Amino acid sequence: MGLAIYYYDTLDNTNDEAKKLVENYNISSGLIITDIQHNGRGRFGNKWVSMKDNFMGSFFFQVNSYKDIKKLQLDFLNILLNCLKKVFKFNNFVIKEPNDILLHQKKISGILVESFKFKNKLFAVVGIGLNLVKSPTLSNYPTTSLYKKFKKKITIRDFAVTLLREMKKTYLCS
């Protein structure tokens, strides 16, 4: 399955944009990335604080069943984990189920899996937020960024290409 990358300077929400591309333009799969996301969200309606220069993106594609969607959460956490290990040559990233990746007990990433039906087809949307350069200050848990730890800047676009390659290799093309 070939996935195109759809890039936006600014969006309200990458998961919502995925749904719009399917419903309004009949695009069945892709990766949406943006520099600025105004209304990021996490599980249970929590707000995801999106900061410029961090990765905000959503994969979207058709799936066969709700059983497939249930499996996506852990699959994509592992894909992201593998990608981070390769890019930063560091093995101490930790998955905190159900949807986070931690670095030294601080959150660097969150994933939100959503689904919707369109024309009797089931679609999955996997939103990924990753603190590449900056991290928000949150009262309920500590956060950090990859730049704070590694002093290595990686652009949103470069990370998107790396993530797409890893996702295709380990998930969609296996």
C-alpha atoms as a PDB file:
ATOM      1  CA  MET A   1       0.000   0.000   0.000  1.00  0.00           C
ATOM      2  CA  GLY A   2       1.489   3.312  -1.066  1.00  0.00           C
ATOM      3  CA  LEU A   3       0.882   6.171   1.307  1.00  0.00           C
ATOM      4  CA  ALA A   4       1.165   9.785   0.233  1.00  0.00           C
ATOM      5  CA  ILE A   5       2.216  12.496   2.667  1.00  0.00           C
ATOM      6  CA  TYR A   6      -0.140  15.471   2.956  1.00  0.00           C
ATOM      7  CA  TYR A   7       1.611  18.481   4.458  1.00  0.00           C
ATOM      8  CA  TYR A   8      -0.127  21.561   5.908  1.00  0.00           C
ATOM      9  CA  ASP A   9       1.338  24.705   7.457  1.00  0.00           C
ATOM     10  CA  THR A  10      -1.507  24.777   9.956  1.00  0.00           C
ATOM     11  CA  LEU A  11      -4.525  22.610  10.777  1.00  0.00           C
ATOM     12  CA  ASP A  12      -7.192  22.430  13.377  1.00  0.00           C
ATOM     13  CA  ASN A  13      -6.576  18.699  13.936  1.00  0.00           C
ATOM     14  CA  THR A  14      -4.750  16.060  11.865  1.00  0.00           C
ATOM     15  CA  ASN A  15      -7.195  13.257  12.728  1.00  0.00           C
ATOM     16  CA  ASP A  16     -10.129  15.426  11.647  1.00  0.00           C
ATOM     17  CA  GLU A  17      -8.336  16.314   8.409  1.00  0.00           C
ATOM     18  CA  ALA A  18      -7.878  12.600   7.650  1.00  0.00           C
ATOM     19  CA  LYS A  19     -11.621  12.091   7.885  1.00  0.00           C
ATOM     20  CA  LYS A  20     -12.213  15.090   5.591  1.00  0.00           C
ATOM     21  CA  LEU A  21      -9.815  13.719   2.960  1.00  0.00           C
ATOM     22  CA  VAL A  22     -11.673  10.404   2.921  1.00  0.00           C
ATOM     23  CA  GLU A  23     -15.183  11.865   2.925  1.00  0.00           C
ATOM     24  CA  ASN A  24     -14.670  14.910   0.684  1.00  0.00           C
ATOM     25  CA  TYR A  25     -11.970  13.746  -1.748  1.00  0.00           C
ATOM     26  CA  ASN A  26     -12.254   9.939  -1.716  1.00  0.00           C
ATOM     27  CA  ILE A  27      -8.621   9.573  -0.613  1.00  0.00           C
ATOM     28  CA  SER A  28      -8.373   6.209   1.127  1.00  0.00           C
ATOM     29  CA  SER A  29      -4.959   6.394   2.812  1.00  0.00           C
ATOM     30  CA  GLY A  30      -2.077   8.670   3.666  1.00  0.00           C
ATOM     31  CA  LEU A  31      -0.080  10.484   6.291  1.00  0.00           C
ATOM     32  CA  ILE A  32      -1.069  14.007   7.274  1.00  0.00           C
ATOM     33  CA  ILE A  33       1.519  16.227   8.939  1.00  0.00           C
ATOM     34  CA  THR A  34       1.352  19.830  10.036  1.00  0.00           C
ATOM     35  CA  ASP A  35       3.633  22.462  11.520  1.00  0.00           C
ATOM     36  CA  ILE A  36       0.892  23.874  13.728  1.00  0.00           C
ATOM     37  CA  GLN A  37      -2.146  22.075  15.151  1.00  0.00           C
ATOM     38  CA  HIS A  38      -4.652  24.234  16.993  1.00  0.00           C
ATOM     39  CA  ASN A  39      -6.867  21.601  18.593  1.00  0.00           C
ATOM     40  CA  GLY A  40      -4.821  18.490  19.274  1.00  0.00           C
ATOM     41  CA  ARG A  41      -6.564  15.875  21.357  1.00  0.00           C
ATOM     42  CA  GLY A  42      -5.730  12.805  23.338  1.00  0.00           C
ATOM     43  CA  ARG A  43      -7.758   9.994  24.808  1.00  0.00           C
ATOM     44  CA  PHE A  44     -11.043  10.731  26.561  1.00  0.00           C
ATOM     45  CA  GLY A  45     -11.195  14.215  25.054  1.00  0.00           C
ATOM     46  CA  ASN A  46      -7.999  15.364  26.761  1.00  0.00           C
ATOM     47  CA  LYS A  47      -6.131  18.149  25.025  1.00  0.00           C
ATOM     48  CA  TRP A  48      -2.823  17.379  23.317  1.00  0.00           C
ATOM     49  CA  VAL A  49      -0.611  20.450  23.554  1.00  0.00           C
ATOM     50  CA  SER A  50       0.855  20.899  20.074  1.00  0.00           C
ATOM     51  CA  MET A  51       3.996  22.983  19.794  1.00  0.00           C
ATOM     52  CA  LYS A  52       5.662  24.222  16.609  1.00  0.00           C
ATOM     53  CA  ASP A  53       8.648  22.103  15.496  1.00  0.00           C
ATOM     54  CA  ASN A  54       7.208  18.968  17.107  1.00  0.00           C
ATOM     55  CA  PHE A  55       5.723  16.116  15.086  1.00  0.00           C
ATOM     56  CA  MET A  56       1.965  16.151  14.721  1.00  0.00           C
ATOM     57  CA  GLY A  57       0.641  13.652  12.236  1.00  0.00           C
ATOM     58  CA  SER A  58      -2.050  11.131  11.438  1.00  0.00           C
ATOM     59  CA  PHE A  59      -1.924   7.958   9.404  1.00  0.00           C
ATOM     60  CA  PHE A  60      -5.246   6.945   7.876  1.00  0.00           C
ATOM     61  CA  PHE A  61      -6.241   3.854   5.914  1.00  0.00           C
ATOM     62  CA  GLN A  62      -9.011   1.345   5.396  1.00  0.00           C
ATOM     63  CA  VAL A  63      -9.231  -1.683   7.704  1.00  0.00           C
ATOM     64  CA  ASN A  64     -11.328  -4.828   7.586  1.00  0.00           C
ATOM     65  CA  SER A  65     -12.779  -4.923  11.086  1.00  0.00           C
ATOM     66  CA  TYR A  66     -12.938  -3.303  14.499  1.00  0.00           C
ATOM     67  CA  LYS A  67     -10.657  -6.105  15.668  1.00  0.00           C
ATOM     68  CA  ASP A  68      -7.960  -4.631  13.395  1.00  0.00           C
ATOM     69  CA  ILE A  69      -8.445  -1.191  14.964  1.00  0.00           C
ATOM     70  CA  LYS A  70      -8.024  -2.554  18.471  1.00  0.00           C
ATOM     71  CA  LYS A  71      -4.633  -3.967  17.478  1.00  0.00           C
ATOM     72  CA  LEU A  72      -3.370  -0.675  15.991  1.00  0.00           C
ATOM     73  CA  GLN A  73      -2.629   1.023  19.315  1.00  0.00           C
ATOM     74  CA  LEU A  74       0.162  -1.333  20.349  1.00  0.00           C
ATOM     75  CA  ASP A  75       1.329  -1.896  16.768  1.00  0.00           C
ATOM     76  CA  PHE A  76       1.908   1.815  16.214  1.00  0.00           C
ATOM     77  CA  LEU A  77       3.523   2.307  19.608  1.00  0.00           C
ATOM     78  CA  ASN A  78       6.015  -0.394  18.638  1.00  0.00           C
ATOM     79  CA  ILE A  79       6.565   1.143  15.200  1.00  0.00           C
ATOM     80  CA  LEU A  80       7.237   4.522  16.777  1.00  0.00           C
ATOM     81  CA  LEU A  81       9.486   2.936  19.404  1.00  0.00           C
ATOM     82  CA  ASN A  82      11.537   1.150  16.715  1.00  0.00           C
ATOM     83  CA  CYS A  83      11.816   4.352  14.736  1.00  0.00           C
ATOM     84  CA  LEU A  84      13.055   6.313  17.764  1.00  0.00           C
ATOM     85  CA  LYS A  85      15.625   3.644  18.604  1.00  0.00           C
ATOM     86  CA  LYS A  86      16.984   3.772  15.055  1.00  0.00           C
ATOM     87  CA  VAL A  87      17.085   7.558  14.733  1.00  0.00           C
ATOM     88  CA  PHE A  88      18.585   8.254  18.160  1.00  0.00           C
ATOM     89  CA  LYS A  89      20.615   5.038  18.644  1.00  0.00           C
ATOM     90  CA  PHE A  90      19.173   4.717  22.133  1.00  0.00           C
ATOM     91  CA  ASN A  91      17.290   1.746  23.613  1.00  0.00           C
ATOM     92  CA  ASN A  92      15.792   3.168  26.804  1.00  0.00           C
ATOM     93  CA  PHE A  93      12.526   4.461  25.392  1.00  0.00           C
ATOM     94  CA  VAL A  94       9.608   2.832  27.218  1.00  0.00           C
ATOM     95  CA  ILE A  95       6.032   2.175  26.158  1.00  0.00           C
ATOM     96  CA  LYS A  96       3.546   3.235  28.821  1.00  0.00           C
ATOM     97  CA  GLU A  97       0.332   1.528  27.855  1.00  0.00           C
ATOM     98  CA  PRO A  98      -2.104   2.241  26.572  1.00  0.00           C
ATOM     99  CA  ASN A  99      -0.792   5.043  24.364  1.00  0.00           C
ATOM    100  CA  ASP A 100       2.410   6.833  25.453  1.00  0.00           C
ATOM    101  CA  ILE A 101       6.167   6.600  25.000  1.00  0.00           C
ATOM    102  CA  LEU A 102       8.393   7.758  27.830  1.00  0.00           C
ATOM    103  CA  LEU A 103      12.008   8.809  28.031  1.00  0.00           C
ATOM    104  CA  HIS A 104      13.454   8.740  31.568  1.00  0.00           C
ATOM    105  CA  GLN A 105       9.895   8.528  32.970  1.00  0.00           C
ATOM    106  CA  LYS A 106       8.811  11.647  31.066  1.00  0.00           C
ATOM    107  CA  LYS A 107       6.284  11.662  28.252  1.00  0.00           C
ATOM    108  CA  ILE A 108       7.636  12.348  24.778  1.00  0.00           C
ATOM    109  CA  SER A 109       4.838  10.907  22.661  1.00  0.00           C
ATOM    110  CA  GLY A 110       1.180   9.992  22.612  1.00  0.00           C
ATOM    111  CA  ILE A 111      -0.968   8.106  20.137  1.00  0.00           C
ATOM    112  CA  LEU A 112      -4.704   8.411  19.528  1.00  0.00           C
ATOM    113  CA  VAL A 113      -6.484   5.753  17.449  1.00  0.00           C
ATOM    114  CA  GLU A 114      -9.910   6.608  16.070  1.00  0.00           C
ATOM    115  CA  SER A 115     -12.180   5.024  13.487  1.00  0.00           C
ATOM    116  CA  PHE A 116     -15.103   5.949  11.285  1.00  0.00           C
ATOM    117  CA  LYS A 117     -17.226   4.444   8.549  1.00  0.00           C
ATOM    118  CA  PHE A 118     -17.687   5.970   5.119  1.00  0.00           C
ATOM    119  CA  LYS A 119     -19.629   4.326   2.279  1.00  0.00           C
ATOM    120  CA  ASN A 120     -19.775   1.065   4.230  1.00  0.00           C
ATOM    121  CA  LYS A 121     -15.985   0.997   4.599  1.00  0.00           C
ATOM    122  CA  LEU A 122     -14.184   1.130   7.922  1.00  0.00           C
ATOM    123  CA  PHE A 123     -11.250   3.528   8.291  1.00  0.00           C
ATOM    124  CA  ALA A 124      -8.645   3.839  11.015  1.00  0.00           C
ATOM    125  CA  VAL A 125      -6.888   7.068  11.928  1.00  0.00           C
ATOM    126  CA  VAL A 126      -3.751   6.916  14.071  1.00  0.00           C
ATOM    127  CA  GLY A 127      -2.750  10.318  15.396  1.00  0.00           C
ATOM    128  CA  ILE A 128       0.800  10.698  16.691  1.00  0.00           C
ATOM    129  CA  GLY A 129       2.209  13.565  18.700  1.00  0.00           C
ATOM    130  CA  LEU A 130       5.950  13.553  19.372  1.00  0.00           C
ATOM    131  CA  ASN A 131       8.000  16.143  21.248  1.00  0.00           C
ATOM    132  CA  LEU A 132      10.885  16.485  18.809  1.00  0.00           C
ATOM    133  CA  VAL A 133      12.177  19.883  19.942  1.00  0.00           C
ATOM    134  CA  LYS A 134       9.916  21.313  22.656  1.00  0.00           C
ATOM    135  CA  SER A 135       7.841  19.942  25.487  1.00  0.00           C
ATOM    136  CA  PRO A 136       4.841  21.488  27.200  1.00  0.00           C
ATOM    137  CA  THR A 137       4.738  22.042  30.936  1.00  0.00           C
ATOM    138  CA  LEU A 138       1.815  20.006  32.235  1.00  0.00           C
ATOM    139  CA  SER A 139       0.579  19.768  35.785  1.00  0.00           C
ATOM    140  CA  ASN A 140      -0.480  16.107  35.739  1.00  0.00           C
ATOM    141  CA  TYR A 141       2.757  14.488  34.453  1.00  0.00           C
ATOM    142  CA  PRO A 142       6.286  15.387  33.405  1.00  0.00           C
ATOM    143  CA  THR A 143       7.216  15.788  29.745  1.00  0.00           C
ATOM    144  CA  THR A 144      10.454  16.159  27.822  1.00  0.00           C
ATOM    145  CA  SER A 145      11.648  16.450  24.241  1.00  0.00           C
ATOM    146  CA  LEU A 146      14.104  14.486  22.177  1.00  0.00           C
ATOM    147  CA  TYR A 147      16.186  17.610  21.646  1.00  0.00           C
ATOM    148  CA  LYS A 148      16.574  18.133  25.410  1.00  0.00           C
ATOM    149  CA  LYS A 149      17.997  14.638  25.768  1.00  0.00           C
ATOM    150  CA  PHE A 150      20.041  14.184  22.587  1.00  0.00           C
ATOM    151  CA  LYS A 151      20.816  17.753  21.400  1.00  0.00           C
ATOM    152  CA  LYS A 152      19.965  16.508  17.910  1.00  0.00           C
ATOM    153  CA  LYS A 153      17.413  18.416  15.870  1.00  0.00           C
ATOM    154  CA  ILE A 154      15.336  16.455  13.424  1.00  0.00           C
ATOM    155  CA  THR A 155      12.775  18.181  11.234  1.00  0.00           C
ATOM    156  CA  ILE A 156       9.123  17.244  11.125  1.00  0.00           C
ATOM    157  CA  ARG A 157       9.433  16.238   7.475  1.00  0.00           C
ATOM    158  CA  ASP A 158      12.566  14.117   8.015  1.00  0.00           C
ATOM    159  CA  PHE A 159      10.934  12.342  10.936  1.00  0.00           C
ATOM    160  CA  ALA A 160       7.746  11.806   8.889  1.00  0.00           C
ATOM    161  CA  VAL A 161       9.716  10.102   6.118  1.00  0.00           C
ATOM    162  CA  THR A 162      11.561   7.904   8.626  1.00  0.00           C
ATOM    163  CA  LEU A 163       8.323   7.007  10.408  1.00  0.00           C
ATOM    164  CA  LEU A 164       6.569   6.262   7.129  1.00  0.00           C
ATOM    165  CA  ARG A 165       9.410   3.967   6.065  1.00  0.00           C
ATOM    166  CA  GLU A 166       9.304   2.102   9.384  1.00  0.00           C
ATOM    167  CA  MET A 167       5.518   1.870   9.351  1.00  0.00           C
ATOM    168  CA  LYS A 168       5.434   0.472   5.820  1.00  0.00           C
ATOM    169  CA  LYS A 169       8.183  -2.039   6.592  1.00  0.00           C
ATOM    170  CA  THR A 170       6.813  -3.336   9.861  1.00  0.00           C
ATOM    171  CA  TYR A 171       3.075  -2.960   9.458  1.00  0.00           C
ATOM    172  CA  LEU A 172       1.480  -2.383   6.088  1.00  0.00           C
ATOM    173  CA  CYS A 173       3.931  -4.189   3.854  1.00  0.00           C
ATOM    174  CA  SER A 174       4.677  -7.190   6.017  1.00  0.00           C
END
